[in-house]
């Protein structure tokens, strides 16, 4: 019987201890987020585009209509890529 009283007394003492009453909940952790954007350009943009090769004087190009159309598409693609490279180079920090 004495043991039971001690156990009850211990439990009630723990429940009302000064440490338990004054303990405050832990504060929420502070999370700091920082975003830093750095523009990095590939080294290839520093290189100059090779000059266009000019058609020699007096040269004639004769081919089927489909071949001439294909060549025209290749030249158009080359011009588009040159323009994109120039735009990308202009957007890079110096």
Protein backbone atom coordinates (compact mmCIF):
# COMPACT_ATOMS: atom_id res chain seq x y z
CA UNK A 1 0.00 0.00 0.00
CA UNK A 2 2.82 2.38 0.72
CA UNK A 3 4.25 1.83 -2.74
CA UNK A 4 1.05 2.81 -4.44
CA UNK A 5 0.91 6.09 -2.56
CA UNK A 6 4.50 6.90 -3.48
CA UNK A 7 3.81 6.22 -7.13
CA UNK A 8 0.78 8.47 -7.13
CA UNK A 9 2.65 11.16 -5.25
CA UNK A 10 5.49 10.98 -7.76
CA UNK A 11 3.16 11.27 -10.72
CA UNK A 12 1.32 14.25 -9.33
CA UNK A 13 4.60 15.91 -8.42
CA UNK A 14 5.87 15.52 -11.99
CA UNK A 15 2.69 16.90 -13.45
CA UNK A 16 2.89 20.06 -11.35
CA UNK A 17 6.64 20.59 -11.32
CA UNK A 18 7.93 24.14 -11.83
CA UNK A 19 9.97 23.06 -14.84
CA UNK A 20 6.89 21.77 -16.63
CA UNK A 21 4.83 24.92 -15.97
CA UNK A 22 7.47 27.39 -17.18
CA UNK A 23 8.55 25.52 -20.29
CA UNK A 24 7.44 27.34 -23.42
CA UNK A 25 7.01 25.76 -26.80
CA UNK A 26 10.06 25.91 -29.01
CA UNK A 27 9.92 28.77 -31.49
CA UNK A 28 9.44 27.95 -35.14
CA UNK A 29 12.72 27.74 -36.99
CA UNK A 30 13.67 30.71 -39.12
CA UNK A 31 14.31 29.74 -42.72
CA UNK A 32 16.01 32.31 -44.88
CA UNK A 33 15.95 31.86 -48.63
CA UNK A 34 18.11 33.87 -50.97
CA UNK A 35 18.03 33.59 -54.75
CA UNK A 36 20.94 34.86 -56.76
CA UNK A 37 20.84 34.82 -60.55
CA UNK A 38 24.09 34.89 -62.43
CA UNK A 39 24.11 35.06 -66.21
CA UNK A 40 26.81 32.85 -67.61
CA UNK A 41 27.48 32.73 -71.32
CA UNK A 42 29.28 29.91 -73.10
CA UNK A 43 32.73 30.64 -74.47
CA UNK A 44 31.50 29.94 -78.01
CA UNK A 45 29.61 33.24 -77.96
CA UNK A 46 32.91 35.09 -77.65
CA UNK A 47 34.03 33.71 -80.98
CA UNK A 48 33.27 35.63 -84.14
CA UNK A 49 31.05 34.07 -86.79
CA UNK A 50 33.17 33.27 -89.84
CA UNK A 51 32.56 35.60 -92.78
CA UNK A 52 30.16 34.51 -95.49
CA UNK A 53 31.71 32.95 -98.52
CA UNK A 54 30.90 34.99 -101.60
CA UNK A 55 29.93 33.39 -104.87
CA UNK A 56 32.85 33.92 -107.30
CA UNK A 57 32.30 36.27 -110.23
CA UNK A 58 31.00 34.50 -113.29
CA UNK A 59 29.96 31.38 -111.38
CA UNK A 60 26.65 29.82 -112.32
CA UNK A 61 24.67 27.39 -110.31
CA UNK A 62 22.46 25.10 -112.30
CA UNK A 63 20.42 22.43 -110.60
CA UNK A 64 16.94 21.01 -110.42
CA UNK A 65 14.31 23.26 -108.88
CA UNK A 66 14.13 21.08 -105.73
CA UNK A 67 17.90 21.32 -105.22
CA UNK A 68 17.84 25.11 -105.61
CA UNK A 69 14.97 25.27 -103.10
CA UNK A 70 16.99 23.11 -100.67
CA UNK A 71 20.03 25.38 -101.04
CA UNK A 72 17.85 28.43 -100.39
CA UNK A 73 16.52 26.80 -97.23
CA UNK A 74 20.07 26.10 -96.06
CA UNK A 75 21.04 29.76 -96.57
CA UNK A 76 17.92 30.89 -94.71
CA UNK A 77 18.77 28.56 -91.83
CA UNK A 78 22.32 29.88 -91.72
CA UNK A 79 21.06 33.48 -91.57
CA UNK A 80 18.64 32.57 -88.77
CA UNK A 81 21.40 30.91 -86.73
CA UNK A 82 23.71 33.90 -87.23
CA UNK A 83 20.95 36.22 -85.99
CA UNK A 84 20.35 34.03 -82.93
CA UNK A 85 24.05 33.99 -82.11
CA UNK A 86 24.20 37.78 -82.42
CA UNK A 87 21.18 38.17 -80.10
CA UNK A 88 22.65 35.78 -77.54
CA UNK A 89 25.98 37.56 -77.65
CA UNK A 90 24.25 40.91 -77.10
CA UNK A 91 22.40 39.53 -74.06
CA UNK A 92 25.62 38.39 -72.34
CA UNK A 93 27.21 40.64 -69.75
CA UNK A 94 30.54 42.05 -70.81
